[in-house]
Amino acid sequence: MGYAGWLILGVVLLVIEIVTPTFFYLWFSIGFFAAALAAILGANLGTQIAVFSVVSALLVLFTRPIAKRLTTRSPRKLFIEEIKGSTGVVTEDVNASTGTGRVKVRGEEWRAYPLENKEVIPKGSSIVVERVEGNIIYVRPLEESNEQEV
């Protein structure tokens, strides 16, 4: 097989890799490109097949576990939009002046700031999440939120 055949096979597998989320066909695509390079350099068919096999096998053995670990998704992700409007409990005083405070919302612990800058929300108080910015949530006491809605 000439270098063109190896290149075509490499491109086909590269396209398959792009349209599937497996991160598996890439290694064989690279193996095909290596075999094409061997063909361009004048290697015989047996050497080309050996180059394809060795390069593909080494890539699968040594890089697939790393790639799999990097692309594996956690079982459940908490989406930011999901917690807006949720209620929770203050686990550490939320104090704007000291910049400290933690709350528990939907079973997750978050760094929190009060919505009003001069406000302190004591530990054990019920809160409602008003805004999320990065890994910090801005909260308001639950009683205050209910008064505004009425």
C-alpha atoms as a PDB file:
ATOM      1  CA  MET A   1       0.000   0.000   0.000  1.00  0.00           C
ATOM      2  CA  GLY A   2       1.370   3.416  -0.894  1.00  0.00           C
ATOM      3  CA  TYR A   3       1.567   6.400   1.358  1.00  0.00           C
ATOM      4  CA  ALA A   4      -1.723   7.761  -0.075  1.00  0.00           C
ATOM      5  CA  GLY A   5      -3.638   4.760   1.284  1.00  0.00           C
ATOM      6  CA  TRP A   6      -2.187   5.248   4.754  1.00  0.00           C
ATOM      7  CA  LEU A   7      -3.005   8.969   4.627  1.00  0.00           C
ATOM      8  CA  ILE A   8      -6.605   8.284   3.558  1.00  0.00           C
ATOM      9  CA  LEU A   9      -7.080   5.792   6.398  1.00  0.00           C
ATOM     10  CA  GLY A  10      -5.548   8.288   8.841  1.00  0.00           C
ATOM     11  CA  VAL A  11      -7.876  11.066   7.722  1.00  0.00           C
ATOM     12  CA  VAL A  12     -10.928   8.774   7.867  1.00  0.00           C
ATOM     13  CA  LEU A  13     -10.147   7.788  11.454  1.00  0.00           C
ATOM     14  CA  LEU A  14      -9.421  11.400  12.335  1.00  0.00           C
ATOM     15  CA  VAL A  15     -12.881  12.387  11.071  1.00  0.00           C
ATOM     16  CA  ILE A  16     -14.442   9.518  13.047  1.00  0.00           C
ATOM     17  CA  GLU A  17     -12.604  10.758  16.142  1.00  0.00           C
ATOM     18  CA  ILE A  18     -13.935  14.259  15.637  1.00  0.00           C
ATOM     19  CA  VAL A  19     -17.573  13.127  15.401  1.00  0.00           C
ATOM     20  CA  THR A  20     -17.418  10.620  18.272  1.00  0.00           C
ATOM     21  CA  PRO A  21     -16.530  11.460  21.880  1.00  0.00           C
ATOM     22  CA  THR A  22     -14.487   8.291  22.481  1.00  0.00           C
ATOM     23  CA  PHE A  23     -10.942   9.684  22.208  1.00  0.00           C
ATOM     24  CA  PHE A  24      -9.856   6.267  20.898  1.00  0.00           C
ATOM     25  CA  TYR A  25      -9.572   6.467  17.111  1.00  0.00           C
ATOM     26  CA  LEU A  26      -7.020   9.271  17.328  1.00  0.00           C
ATOM     27  CA  TRP A  27      -4.233   6.865  18.279  1.00  0.00           C
ATOM     28  CA  PHE A  28      -4.839   4.671  15.228  1.00  0.00           C
ATOM     29  CA  SER A  29      -5.073   7.742  13.021  1.00  0.00           C
ATOM     30  CA  ILE A  30      -1.617   8.792  14.219  1.00  0.00           C
ATOM     31  CA  GLY A  31      -0.413   5.231  13.559  1.00  0.00           C
ATOM     32  CA  PHE A  32      -1.675   5.483   9.971  1.00  0.00           C
ATOM     33  CA  PHE A  33       0.146   8.809   9.525  1.00  0.00           C
ATOM     34  CA  ALA A  34       3.359   7.244  10.883  1.00  0.00           C
ATOM     35  CA  ALA A  35       2.989   4.365   8.397  1.00  0.00           C
ATOM     36  CA  ALA A  36       2.486   6.921   5.599  1.00  0.00           C
ATOM     37  CA  LEU A  37       5.725   8.611   6.651  1.00  0.00           C
ATOM     38  CA  ALA A  38       7.483   5.237   6.563  1.00  0.00           C
ATOM     39  CA  ALA A  39       6.102   4.667   3.034  1.00  0.00           C
ATOM     40  CA  ILE A  40       7.322   8.108   1.934  1.00  0.00           C
ATOM     41  CA  LEU A  41      10.771   7.254   3.283  1.00  0.00           C
ATOM     42  CA  GLY A  42      10.777   4.096   1.128  1.00  0.00           C
ATOM     43  CA  ALA A  43      10.017   1.372   3.698  1.00  0.00           C
ATOM     44  CA  ASN A  44       8.512  -1.875   2.412  1.00  0.00           C
ATOM     45  CA  LEU A  45       4.923  -2.921   3.219  1.00  0.00           C
ATOM     46  CA  GLY A  46       5.950  -5.138   6.140  1.00  0.00           C
ATOM     47  CA  THR A  47       7.824  -2.281   7.774  1.00  0.00           C
ATOM     48  CA  GLN A  48       4.911   0.089   7.159  1.00  0.00           C
ATOM     49  CA  ILE A  49       2.521  -2.345   8.878  1.00  0.00           C
ATOM     50  CA  ALA A  50       4.977  -2.767  11.744  1.00  0.00           C
ATOM     51  CA  VAL A  51       5.291   1.015  12.144  1.00  0.00           C
ATOM     52  CA  PHE A  52       1.490   1.379  12.193  1.00  0.00           C
ATOM     53  CA  SER A  53       1.113  -1.438  14.739  1.00  0.00           C
ATOM     54  CA  VAL A  54       3.875  -0.324  17.080  1.00  0.00           C
ATOM     55  CA  VAL A  55       2.964   3.384  17.055  1.00  0.00           C
ATOM     56  CA  SER A  56      -0.763   2.668  17.564  1.00  0.00           C
ATOM     57  CA  ALA A  57      -0.140   0.122  20.321  1.00  0.00           C
ATOM     58  CA  LEU A  58       2.259   2.379  22.206  1.00  0.00           C
ATOM     59  CA  LEU A  59      -0.103   5.342  22.002  1.00  0.00           C
ATOM     60  CA  VAL A  60      -3.057   3.276  23.203  1.00  0.00           C
ATOM     61  CA  LEU A  61      -1.086   1.708  26.052  1.00  0.00           C
ATOM     62  CA  PHE A  62       0.562   4.856  27.340  1.00  0.00           C
ATOM     63  CA  THR A  63      -1.802   7.710  26.590  1.00  0.00           C
ATOM     64  CA  ARG A  64      -5.304   6.240  26.590  1.00  0.00           C
ATOM     65  CA  PRO A  65      -5.461   5.853  30.399  1.00  0.00           C
ATOM     66  CA  ILE A  66      -4.378   9.480  30.816  1.00  0.00           C
ATOM     67  CA  ALA A  67      -6.873  10.719  28.227  1.00  0.00           C
ATOM     68  CA  LYS A  68      -9.644   8.641  29.764  1.00  0.00           C
ATOM     69  CA  ARG A  69      -8.948  10.106  33.192  1.00  0.00           C
ATOM     70  CA  LEU A  70      -8.985  13.658  31.797  1.00  0.00           C
ATOM     71  CA  THR A  71     -12.219  13.219  29.857  1.00  0.00           C
ATOM     72  CA  THR A  72     -14.212  11.212  32.416  1.00  0.00           C
ATOM     73  CA  ARG A  73     -17.129  13.224  33.737  1.00  0.00           C
ATOM     74  CA  SER A  74     -18.146  13.300  37.337  1.00  0.00           C
ATOM     75  CA  PRO A  75     -21.449  11.511  38.004  1.00  0.00           C
ATOM     76  CA  ARG A  76     -23.342  14.705  38.789  1.00  0.00           C
ATOM     77  CA  LYS A  77     -22.492  18.347  38.320  1.00  0.00           C
ATOM     78  CA  LEU A  78     -24.189  21.143  40.170  1.00  0.00           C
ATOM     79  CA  PHE A  79     -25.167  23.798  37.669  1.00  0.00           C
ATOM     80  CA  ILE A  80     -24.935  27.394  38.798  1.00  0.00           C
ATOM     81  CA  GLU A  81     -28.380  28.318  37.497  1.00  0.00           C
ATOM     82  CA  GLU A  82     -29.827  25.430  39.499  1.00  0.00           C
ATOM     83  CA  ILE A  83     -29.025  26.992  42.886  1.00  0.00           C
ATOM     84  CA  LYS A  84     -30.330  30.521  42.253  1.00  0.00           C
ATOM     85  CA  GLY A  85     -33.444  30.979  44.352  1.00  0.00           C
ATOM     86  CA  SER A  86     -32.627  27.926  46.486  1.00  0.00           C
ATOM     87  CA  THR A  87     -32.797  28.100  50.248  1.00  0.00           C
ATOM     88  CA  GLY A  88     -30.071  27.053  52.638  1.00  0.00           C
ATOM     89  CA  VAL A  89     -28.631  27.408  56.114  1.00  0.00           C
ATOM     90  CA  VAL A  90     -25.718  29.538  57.318  1.00  0.00           C
ATOM     91  CA  THR A  91     -22.930  27.312  58.698  1.00  0.00           C
ATOM     92  CA  GLU A  92     -20.500  30.172  59.495  1.00  0.00           C
ATOM     93  CA  ASP A  93     -21.574  33.784  60.076  1.00  0.00           C
ATOM     94  CA  VAL A  94     -21.876  35.602  56.755  1.00  0.00           C
ATOM     95  CA  ASN A  95     -20.205  38.956  57.316  1.00  0.00           C
ATOM     96  CA  ALA A  96     -19.592  41.525  54.576  1.00  0.00           C
ATOM     97  CA  SER A  97     -17.015  43.519  56.558  1.00  0.00           C
ATOM     98  CA  THR A  98     -14.741  40.520  57.222  1.00  0.00           C
ATOM     99  CA  GLY A  99     -15.483  38.789  53.922  1.00  0.00           C
ATOM    100  CA  THR A 100     -16.208  35.517  55.692  1.00  0.00           C
ATOM    101  CA  GLY A 101     -19.159  33.222  55.657  1.00  0.00           C
ATOM    102  CA  ARG A 102     -20.285  29.783  54.585  1.00  0.00           C
ATOM    103  CA  VAL A 103     -23.689  28.369  53.785  1.00  0.00           C
ATOM    104  CA  LYS A 104     -25.039  24.958  52.927  1.00  0.00           C
ATOM    105  CA  VAL A 105     -27.312  24.872  49.870  1.00  0.00           C
ATOM    106  CA  ARG A 106     -28.643  21.613  48.385  1.00  0.00           C
ATOM    107  CA  GLY A 107     -26.129  19.611  50.399  1.00  0.00           C
ATOM    108  CA  GLU A 108     -23.145  21.626  49.122  1.00  0.00           C
ATOM    109  CA  GLU A 109     -21.004  24.012  51.184  1.00  0.00           C
ATOM    110  CA  TRP A 110     -20.428  27.434  49.567  1.00  0.00           C
ATOM    111  CA  ARG A 111     -18.529  30.617  50.390  1.00  0.00           C
ATOM    112  CA  ALA A 112     -21.125  33.318  50.817  1.00  0.00           C
ATOM    113  CA  TYR A 113     -21.450  37.076  51.049  1.00  0.00           C
ATOM    114  CA  PRO A 114     -24.553  38.951  52.152  1.00  0.00           C
ATOM    115  CA  LEU A 115     -26.395  40.793  49.397  1.00  0.00           C
ATOM    116  CA  GLU A 116     -26.374  43.968  51.511  1.00  0.00           C
ATOM    117  CA  ASN A 117     -22.800  45.169  52.199  1.00  0.00           C
ATOM    118  CA  LYS A 118     -23.285  46.118  55.882  1.00  0.00           C
ATOM    119  CA  GLU A 119     -25.263  43.029  56.786  1.00  0.00           C
ATOM    120  CA  VAL A 120     -24.266  40.124  59.041  1.00  0.00           C
ATOM    121  CA  ILE A 121     -26.279  36.902  58.794  1.00  0.00           C
ATOM    122  CA  PRO A 122     -25.736  34.736  61.895  1.00  0.00           C
ATOM    123  CA  LYS A 123     -24.982  31.027  61.921  1.00  0.00           C
ATOM    124  CA  GLY A 124     -28.112  28.863  61.801  1.00  0.00           C
ATOM    125  CA  SER A 125     -30.164  31.435  59.854  1.00  0.00           C
ATOM    126  CA  SER A 126     -32.126  30.411  56.782  1.00  0.00           C
ATOM    127  CA  ILE A 127     -31.071  32.127  53.569  1.00  0.00           C
ATOM    128  CA  VAL A 128     -32.049  32.302  49.924  1.00  0.00           C
ATOM    129  CA  VAL A 129     -29.489  32.448  47.101  1.00  0.00           C
ATOM    130  CA  GLU A 130     -29.873  35.643  45.079  1.00  0.00           C
ATOM    131  CA  ARG A 131     -26.783  35.651  42.855  1.00  0.00           C
ATOM    132  CA  VAL A 132     -23.813  33.444  41.942  1.00  0.00           C
ATOM    133  CA  GLU A 133     -20.408  34.742  40.849  1.00  0.00           C
ATOM    134  CA  GLY A 134     -17.782  32.073  40.329  1.00  0.00           C
ATOM    135  CA  ASN A 135     -17.586  29.992  43.497  1.00  0.00           C
ATOM    136  CA  ILE A 136     -19.160  32.665  45.691  1.00  0.00           C
ATOM    137  CA  ILE A 137     -22.868  33.058  46.265  1.00  0.00           C
ATOM    138  CA  TYR A 138     -24.659  36.168  47.435  1.00  0.00           C
ATOM    139  CA  VAL A 139     -27.414  35.473  49.935  1.00  0.00           C
ATOM    140  CA  ARG A 140     -30.214  37.261  51.713  1.00  0.00           C
ATOM    141  CA  PRO A 141     -31.958  36.174  54.927  1.00  0.00           C
ATOM    142  CA  LEU A 142     -35.019  34.100  54.048  1.00  0.00           C
ATOM    143  CA  GLU A 143     -37.374  36.290  56.097  1.00  0.00           C
ATOM    144  CA  GLU A 144     -36.266  39.422  54.196  1.00  0.00           C
ATOM    145  CA  SER A 145     -36.902  37.718  50.839  1.00  0.00           C
ATOM    146  CA  ASN A 146     -40.403  36.651  51.881  1.00  0.00           C
ATOM    147  CA  GLU A 147     -41.277  40.210  52.979  1.00  0.00           C
ATOM    148  CA  GLN A 148     -40.297  41.606  49.590  1.00  0.00           C
ATOM    149  CA  GLU A 149     -42.368  39.028  47.685  1.00  0.00           C
ATOM    150  CA  VAL A 150     -45.565  39.861  49.650  1.00  0.00           C
END
